[in-house]
Amino acid sequence: MPIYEYLCEDCDTHFEKIVINKQQEIACPKCASKKATIQLSVFATSNGTGNSAQSFTPSSSGGGSCCGGGCGCH
């Protein structure tokens, strides 16, 4: 089940929601508005050294795409 990040258009609250199906109604937890915009989700990964965030470095492999072609962005 994916977790999506949203921004409420009425009160500017950022919130996350587990979405079970695409027809699920999304409401702001602060003001109950149903006008929310999905945001680009940014996440961190652990490299096992105690540093929980790794910086993104464009890959030169993968046909010249920005991330190596594994994410489907191209």
PDB file of N, CA and C in Angstrom:
ATOM      1  N   MET A   1       0.844  -1.185   0.000  1.00  0.00           N
ATOM      2  CA  MET A   1       0.000   0.000   0.000  1.00  0.00           C
ATOM      3  C   MET A   1       0.887   1.245   0.000  1.00  0.00           C
ATOM      4  N   PRO A   2       0.744   2.088  -0.996  1.00  0.00           N
ATOM      5  CA  PRO A   2       1.598   3.285  -1.061  1.00  0.00           C
ATOM      6  C   PRO A   2       1.150   4.372  -0.081  1.00  0.00           C
ATOM      7  N   ILE A   3       2.124   5.122   0.385  1.00  0.00           N
ATOM      8  CA  ILE A   3       1.860   6.296   1.214  1.00  0.00           C
ATOM      9  C   ILE A   3       2.087   7.508   0.325  1.00  0.00           C
ATOM     10  N   TYR A   4       1.077   8.367   0.221  1.00  0.00           N
ATOM     11  CA  TYR A   4       1.184   9.580  -0.585  1.00  0.00           C
ATOM     12  C   TYR A   4       1.252  10.801   0.323  1.00  0.00           C
ATOM     13  N   GLU A   5       1.952  11.828  -0.137  1.00  0.00           N
ATOM     14  CA  GLU A   5       2.019  13.101   0.574  1.00  0.00           C
ATOM     15  C   GLU A   5       1.100  14.082  -0.124  1.00  0.00           C
ATOM     16  N   TYR A   6       0.379  14.871   0.666  1.00  0.00           N
ATOM     17  CA  TYR A   6      -0.585  15.830   0.139  1.00  0.00           C
ATOM     18  C   TYR A   6      -0.365  17.207   0.749  1.00  0.00           C
ATOM     19  N   LEU A   7      -0.856  18.221   0.054  1.00  0.00           N
ATOM     20  CA  LEU A   7      -0.896  19.591   0.549  1.00  0.00           C
ATOM     21  C   LEU A   7      -2.332  20.055   0.448  1.00  0.00           C
ATOM     22  N   CYS A   8      -2.903  20.476   1.577  1.00  0.00           N
ATOM     23  CA  CYS A   8      -4.277  20.980   1.596  1.00  0.00           C
ATOM     24  C   CYS A   8      -4.300  22.357   0.938  1.00  0.00           C
ATOM     25  N   GLU A   9      -5.196  22.534  -0.018  1.00  0.00           N
ATOM     26  CA  GLU A   9      -5.307  23.807  -0.731  1.00  0.00           C
ATOM     27  C   GLU A   9      -5.994  24.888   0.103  1.00  0.00           C
ATOM     28  N   ASP A  10      -6.708  24.494   1.155  1.00  0.00           N
ATOM     29  CA  ASP A  10      -7.415  25.482   1.978  1.00  0.00           C
ATOM     30  C   ASP A  10      -6.583  26.002   3.148  1.00  0.00           C
ATOM     31  N   CYS A  11      -5.849  25.115   3.849  1.00  0.00           N
ATOM     32  CA  CYS A  11      -5.118  25.557   5.044  1.00  0.00           C
ATOM     33  C   CYS A  11      -3.602  25.339   4.945  1.00  0.00           C
ATOM     34  N   ASP A  12      -3.104  24.888   3.794  1.00  0.00           N
ATOM     35  CA  ASP A  12      -1.666  24.674   3.545  1.00  0.00           C
ATOM     36  C   ASP A  12      -1.022  23.640   4.470  1.00  0.00           C
ATOM     37  N   THR A  13      -1.801  22.706   4.998  1.00  0.00           N
ATOM     38  CA  THR A  13      -1.267  21.646   5.835  1.00  0.00           C
ATOM     39  C   THR A  13      -0.685  20.539   4.960  1.00  0.00           C
ATOM     40  N   HIS A  14       0.518  20.083   5.300  1.00  0.00           N
ATOM     41  CA  HIS A  14       1.127  18.934   4.634  1.00  0.00           C
ATOM     42  C   HIS A  14       0.753  17.697   5.437  1.00  0.00           C
ATOM     43  N   PHE A  15       0.314  16.632   4.757  1.00  0.00           N
ATOM     44  CA  PHE A  15      -0.016  15.395   5.457  1.00  0.00           C
ATOM     45  C   PHE A  15       0.220  14.201   4.558  1.00  0.00           C
ATOM     46  N   GLU A  16       0.324  13.026   5.176  1.00  0.00           N
ATOM     47  CA  GLU A  16       0.518  11.775   4.459  1.00  0.00           C
ATOM     48  C   GLU A  16      -0.717  10.909   4.631  1.00  0.00           C
ATOM     49  N   LYS A  17      -0.963  10.057   3.643  1.00  0.00           N
ATOM     50  CA  LYS A  17      -2.132   9.179   3.694  1.00  0.00           C
ATOM     51  C   LYS A  17      -1.786   7.859   3.014  1.00  0.00           C
ATOM     52  N   ILE A  18      -2.113   6.748   3.662  1.00  0.00           N
ATOM     53  CA  ILE A  18      -1.992   5.444   3.031  1.00  0.00           C
ATOM     54  C   ILE A  18      -3.195   5.285   2.127  1.00  0.00           C
ATOM     55  N   VAL A  19      -2.944   5.005   0.852  1.00  0.00           N
ATOM     56  CA  VAL A  19      -4.028   4.916  -0.125  1.00  0.00           C
ATOM     57  C   VAL A  19      -4.222   3.449  -0.511  1.00  0.00           C
ATOM     58  N   ILE A  20      -5.385   2.922  -0.163  1.00  0.00           N
ATOM     59  CA  ILE A  20      -5.700   1.527  -0.456  1.00  0.00           C
ATOM     60  C   ILE A  20      -6.213   1.378  -1.882  1.00  0.00           C
ATOM     61  N   ASN A  21      -7.048   2.304  -2.323  1.00  0.00           N
ATOM     62  CA  ASN A  21      -7.478   2.291  -3.723  1.00  0.00           C
ATOM     63  C   ASN A  21      -7.581   3.723  -4.223  1.00  0.00           C
ATOM     64  N   LYS A  22      -7.455   3.891  -5.528  1.00  0.00           N
ATOM     65  CA  LYS A  22      -7.384   5.231  -6.136  1.00  0.00           C
ATOM     66  C   LYS A  22      -8.668   6.043  -5.967  1.00  0.00           C
ATOM     67  N   GLN A  23      -9.812   5.397  -5.734  1.00  0.00           N
ATOM     68  CA  GLN A  23     -11.072   6.111  -5.563  1.00  0.00           C
ATOM     69  C   GLN A  23     -11.291   6.573  -4.117  1.00  0.00           C
ATOM     70  N   GLN A  24     -10.349   6.260  -3.234  1.00  0.00           N
ATOM     71  CA  GLN A  24     -10.458   6.647  -1.836  1.00  0.00           C
ATOM     72  C   GLN A  24     -10.508   8.170  -1.706  1.00  0.00           C
ATOM     73  N   GLU A  25     -11.436   8.675  -0.928  1.00  0.00           N
ATOM     74  CA  GLU A  25     -11.575  10.115  -0.726  1.00  0.00           C
ATOM     75  C   GLU A  25     -10.515  10.595   0.263  1.00  0.00           C
ATOM     76  N   ILE A  26      -9.824  11.672  -0.096  1.00  0.00           N
ATOM     77  CA  ILE A  26      -8.763  12.231   0.744  1.00  0.00           C
ATOM     78  C   ILE A  26      -9.285  13.507   1.392  1.00  0.00           C
ATOM     79  N   ALA A  27      -9.108  13.612   2.722  1.00  0.00           N
ATOM     80  CA  ALA A  27      -9.525  14.813   3.450  1.00  0.00           C
ATOM     81  C   ALA A  27      -8.395  15.264   4.363  1.00  0.00           C
ATOM     82  N   CYS A  28      -8.234  16.569   4.483  1.00  0.00           N
ATOM     83  CA  CYS A  28      -7.207  17.151   5.340  1.00  0.00           C
ATOM     84  C   CYS A  28      -7.515  16.818   6.805  1.00  0.00           C
ATOM     85  N   PRO A  29      -6.518  16.349   7.558  1.00  0.00           N
ATOM     86  CA  PRO A  29      -6.752  16.028   8.965  1.00  0.00           C
ATOM     87  C   PRO A  29      -6.951  17.260   9.859  1.00  0.00           C
ATOM     88  N   LYS A  30      -6.545  18.430   9.370  1.00  0.00           N
ATOM     89  CA  LYS A  30      -6.665  19.653  10.172  1.00  0.00           C
ATOM     90  C   LYS A  30      -8.001  20.360   9.950  1.00  0.00           C
ATOM     91  N   CYS A  31      -8.393  20.535   8.666  1.00  0.00           N
ATOM     92  CA  CYS A  31      -9.601  21.321   8.387  1.00  0.00           C
ATOM     93  C   CYS A  31     -10.703  20.514   7.698  1.00  0.00           C
ATOM     94  N   ALA A  32     -10.436  19.243   7.369  1.00  0.00           N
ATOM     95  CA  ALA A  32     -11.392  18.331   6.725  1.00  0.00           C
ATOM     96  C   ALA A  32     -11.721  18.701   5.280  1.00  0.00           C
ATOM     97  N   SER A  33     -10.963  19.613   4.693  1.00  0.00           N
ATOM     98  CA  SER A  33     -11.168  19.967   3.293  1.00  0.00           C
ATOM     99  C   SER A  33     -10.829  18.781   2.402  1.00  0.00           C
ATOM    100  N   LYS A  34     -11.552  18.651   1.327  1.00  0.00           N
ATOM    101  CA  LYS A  34     -11.291  17.580   0.371  1.00  0.00           C
ATOM    102  C   LYS A  34     -10.498  18.080  -0.832  1.00  0.00           C
ATOM    103  N   LYS A  35      -9.990  19.322  -0.732  1.00  0.00           N
ATOM    104  CA  LYS A  35      -9.175  19.896  -1.796  1.00  0.00           C
ATOM    105  C   LYS A  35      -7.700  19.757  -1.420  1.00  0.00           C
ATOM    106  N   ALA A  36      -7.099  18.645  -1.850  1.00  0.00           N
ATOM    107  CA  ALA A  36      -5.696  18.389  -1.546  1.00  0.00           C
ATOM    108  C   ALA A  36      -4.965  18.032  -2.835  1.00  0.00           C
ATOM    109  N   THR A  37      -3.732  18.500  -2.938  1.00  0.00           N
ATOM    110  CA  THR A  37      -2.898  18.242  -4.095  1.00  0.00           C
ATOM    111  C   THR A  37      -1.820  17.248  -3.695  1.00  0.00           C
ATOM    112  N   ILE A  38      -1.650  16.204  -4.509  1.00  0.00           N
ATOM    113  CA  ILE A  38      -0.602  15.228  -4.231  1.00  0.00           C
ATOM    114  C   ILE A  38       0.754  15.885  -4.483  1.00  0.00           C
ATOM    115  N   GLN A  39       1.716  15.597  -3.600  1.00  0.00           N
ATOM    116  CA  GLN A  39       3.046  16.184  -3.682  1.00  0.00           C
ATOM    117  C   GLN A  39       4.061  15.133  -4.101  1.00  0.00           C
ATOM    118  N   LEU A  40       5.177  15.586  -4.641  1.00  0.00           N
ATOM    119  CA  LEU A  40       6.277  14.710  -4.960  1.00  0.00           C
ATOM    120  C   LEU A  40       6.860  14.208  -3.652  1.00  0.00           C
ATOM    121  N   SER A  41       6.920  12.909  -3.483  1.00  0.00           N
ATOM    122  CA  SER A  41       7.406  12.316  -2.245  1.00  0.00           C
ATOM    123  C   SER A  41       8.912  12.167  -2.299  1.00  0.00           C
ATOM    124  N   VAL A  42       9.597  12.611  -1.251  1.00  0.00           N
ATOM    125  CA  VAL A  42      11.035  12.492  -1.141  1.00  0.00           C
ATOM    126  C   VAL A  42      11.313  11.577   0.045  1.00  0.00           C
ATOM    127  N   PHE A  43      12.184  10.619  -0.146  1.00  0.00           N
ATOM    128  CA  PHE A  43      12.460   9.691   0.933  1.00  0.00           C
ATOM    129  C   PHE A  43      13.958   9.509   1.100  1.00  0.00           C
ATOM    130  N   ALA A  44      14.343   9.000   2.252  1.00  0.00           N
ATOM    131  CA  ALA A  44      15.751   8.755   2.546  1.00  0.00           C
ATOM    132  C   ALA A  44      15.967   7.257   2.665  1.00  0.00           C
ATOM    133  N   THR A  45      17.180   6.834   2.382  1.00  0.00           N
ATOM    134  CA  THR A  45      17.540   5.432   2.549  1.00  0.00           C
ATOM    135  C   THR A  45      18.725   5.343   3.483  1.00  0.00           C
ATOM    136  N   SER A  46      18.871   4.226   4.122  1.00  0.00           N
ATOM    137  CA  SER A  46      19.990   4.025   5.030  1.00  0.00           C
ATOM    138  C   SER A  46      21.090   3.259   4.315  1.00  0.00           C
ATOM    139  N   ASN A  47      22.314   3.716   4.476  1.00  0.00           N
ATOM    140  CA  ASN A  47      23.440   3.027   3.844  1.00  0.00           C
ATOM    141  C   ASN A  47      24.204   2.172   4.840  1.00  0.00           C
ATOM    142  N   GLY A  48      23.683   2.036   6.055  1.00  0.00           N
ATOM    143  CA  GLY A  48      24.300   1.177   7.052  1.00  0.00           C
ATOM    144  C   GLY A  48      25.406   1.837   7.848  1.00  0.00           C
ATOM    145  N   THR A  49      25.686   3.123   7.627  1.00  0.00           N
ATOM    146  CA  THR A  49      26.755   3.809   8.349  1.00  0.00           C
ATOM    147  C   THR A  49      26.210   4.816   9.359  1.00  0.00           C
ATOM    148  N   GLY A  50      24.912   4.786   9.597  1.00  0.00           N
ATOM    149  CA  GLY A  50      24.329   5.739  10.522  1.00  0.00           C
ATOM    150  C   GLY A  50      23.836   6.993   9.842  1.00  0.00           C
ATOM    151  N   ASN A  51      24.211   7.200   8.599  1.00  0.00           N
ATOM    152  CA  ASN A  51      23.733   8.342   7.827  1.00  0.00           C
ATOM    153  C   ASN A  51      22.451   7.920   7.122  1.00  0.00           C
ATOM    154  N   SER A  52      21.316   8.478   7.522  1.00  0.00           N
ATOM    155  CA  SER A  52      20.036   8.001   6.995  1.00  0.00           C
ATOM    156  C   SER A  52      19.666   8.609   5.655  1.00  0.00           C
ATOM    157  N   ALA A  53      20.363   9.621   5.209  1.00  0.00           N
ATOM    158  CA  ALA A  53      20.024  10.236   3.921  1.00  0.00           C
ATOM    159  C   ALA A  53      21.215  10.135   2.982  1.00  0.00           C
ATOM    160  N   GLN A  54      20.953   9.639   1.789  1.00  0.00           N
ATOM    161  CA  GLN A  54      21.986   9.582   0.780  1.00  0.00           C
ATOM    162  C   GLN A  54      21.684  10.625  -0.271  1.00  0.00           C
ATOM    163  N   SER A  55      22.710  11.284  -0.772  1.00  0.00           N
ATOM    164  CA  SER A  55      22.476  12.272  -1.812  1.00  0.00           C
ATOM    165  C   SER A  55      22.336  11.584  -3.159  1.00  0.00           C
ATOM    166  N   PHE A  56      21.571  12.167  -4.059  1.00  0.00           N
ATOM    167  CA  PHE A  56      21.345  11.626  -5.390  1.00  0.00           C
ATOM    168  C   PHE A  56      22.493  12.028  -6.281  1.00  0.00           C
ATOM    169  N   THR A  57      23.078  11.063  -6.946  1.00  0.00           N
ATOM    170  CA  THR A  57      24.126  11.323  -7.911  1.00  0.00           C
ATOM    171  C   THR A  57      23.693  10.735  -9.237  1.00  0.00           C
ATOM    172  N   PRO A  58      23.560  11.564 -10.291  1.00  0.00           N
ATOM    173  CA  PRO A  58      23.150  11.029 -11.584  1.00  0.00           C
ATOM    174  C   PRO A  58      24.110   9.949 -12.061  1.00  0.00           C
ATOM    175  N   SER A  59      23.557   8.912 -12.615  1.00  0.00           N
ATOM    176  CA  SER A  59      24.346   7.785 -13.087  1.00  0.00           C
ATOM    177  C   SER A  59      24.751   7.999 -14.539  1.00  0.00           C
ATOM    178  N   SER A  60      25.953   7.623 -14.868  1.00  0.00           N
ATOM    179  CA  SER A  60      26.384   7.720 -16.261  1.00  0.00           C
ATOM    180  C   SER A  60      25.976   6.484 -17.038  1.00  0.00           C
ATOM    181  N   SER A  61      25.535   5.432 -16.330  1.00  0.00           N
ATOM    182  CA  SER A  61      25.084   4.214 -17.009  1.00  0.00           C
ATOM    183  C   SER A  61      23.589   4.287 -17.230  1.00  0.00           C
ATOM    184  N   GLY A  62      23.060   3.359 -17.987  1.00  0.00           N
ATOM    185  CA  GLY A  62      21.621   3.294 -18.173  1.00  0.00           C
ATOM    186  C   GLY A  62      21.127   4.108 -19.338  1.00  0.00           C
ATOM    187  N   GLY A  63      21.953   4.329 -20.324  1.00  0.00           N
ATOM    188  CA  GLY A  63      21.491   5.013 -21.521  1.00  0.00           C
ATOM    189  C   GLY A  63      21.400   6.516 -21.392  1.00  0.00           C
ATOM    190  N   GLY A  64      22.077   7.114 -20.420  1.00  0.00           N
ATOM    191  CA  GLY A  64      22.118   8.561 -20.321  1.00  0.00           C
ATOM    192  C   GLY A  64      20.939   9.174 -19.584  1.00  0.00           C
ATOM    193  N   SER A  65      20.109   8.371 -18.954  1.00  0.00           N
ATOM    194  CA  SER A  65      18.997   8.953 -18.203  1.00  0.00           C
ATOM    195  C   SER A  65      19.515   9.509 -16.889  1.00  0.00           C
ATOM    196  N   CYS A  66      18.746  10.356 -16.253  1.00  0.00           N
ATOM    197  CA  CYS A  66      19.195  11.070 -15.075  1.00  0.00           C
ATOM    198  C   CYS A  66      19.481  10.171 -13.882  1.00  0.00           C
ATOM    199  N   CYS A  67      18.842   9.016 -13.815  1.00  0.00           N
ATOM    200  CA  CYS A  67      18.977   8.173 -12.635  1.00  0.00           C
ATOM    201  C   CYS A  67      19.368   6.746 -12.978  1.00  0.00           C
ATOM    202  N   GLY A  68      19.779   6.501 -14.163  1.00  0.00           N
ATOM    203  CA  GLY A  68      20.162   5.167 -14.544  1.00  0.00           C
ATOM    204  C   GLY A  68      19.047   4.369 -15.190  1.00  0.00           C
ATOM    205  N   GLY A  69      17.861   4.938 -15.255  1.00  0.00           N
ATOM    206  CA  GLY A  69      16.754   4.308 -15.961  1.00  0.00           C
ATOM    207  C   GLY A  69      15.911   3.373 -15.144  1.00  0.00           C
ATOM    208  N   GLY A  70      16.244   3.144 -13.875  1.00  0.00           N
ATOM    209  CA  GLY A  70      15.496   2.193 -13.066  1.00  0.00           C
ATOM    210  C   GLY A  70      14.199   2.717 -12.479  1.00  0.00           C
ATOM    211  N   CYS A  71      14.020   4.024 -12.449  1.00  0.00           N
ATOM    212  CA  CYS A  71      12.829   4.566 -11.777  1.00  0.00           C
ATOM    213  C   CYS A  71      11.665   4.804 -12.729  1.00  0.00           C
ATOM    214  N   GLY A  72      11.891   4.751 -14.010  1.00  0.00           N
ATOM    215  CA  GLY A  72      10.802   4.975 -14.971  1.00  0.00           C
ATOM    216  C   GLY A  72      10.535   6.428 -15.264  1.00  0.00           C
ATOM    217  N   CYS A  73      11.457   7.321 -14.894  1.00  0.00           N
ATOM    218  CA  CYS A  73      11.225   8.752 -15.123  1.00  0.00           C
ATOM    219  C   CYS A  73      11.392   9.128 -16.588  1.00  0.00           C
ATOM    220  N   HIS A  74      11.947   8.257 -17.394  1.00  0.00           N
ATOM    221  CA  HIS A  74      12.147   8.540 -18.822  1.00  0.00           C
ATOM    222  C   HIS A  74      11.598   7.433 -19.661  1.00  0.00           C
TER     223      HIS A  74
END
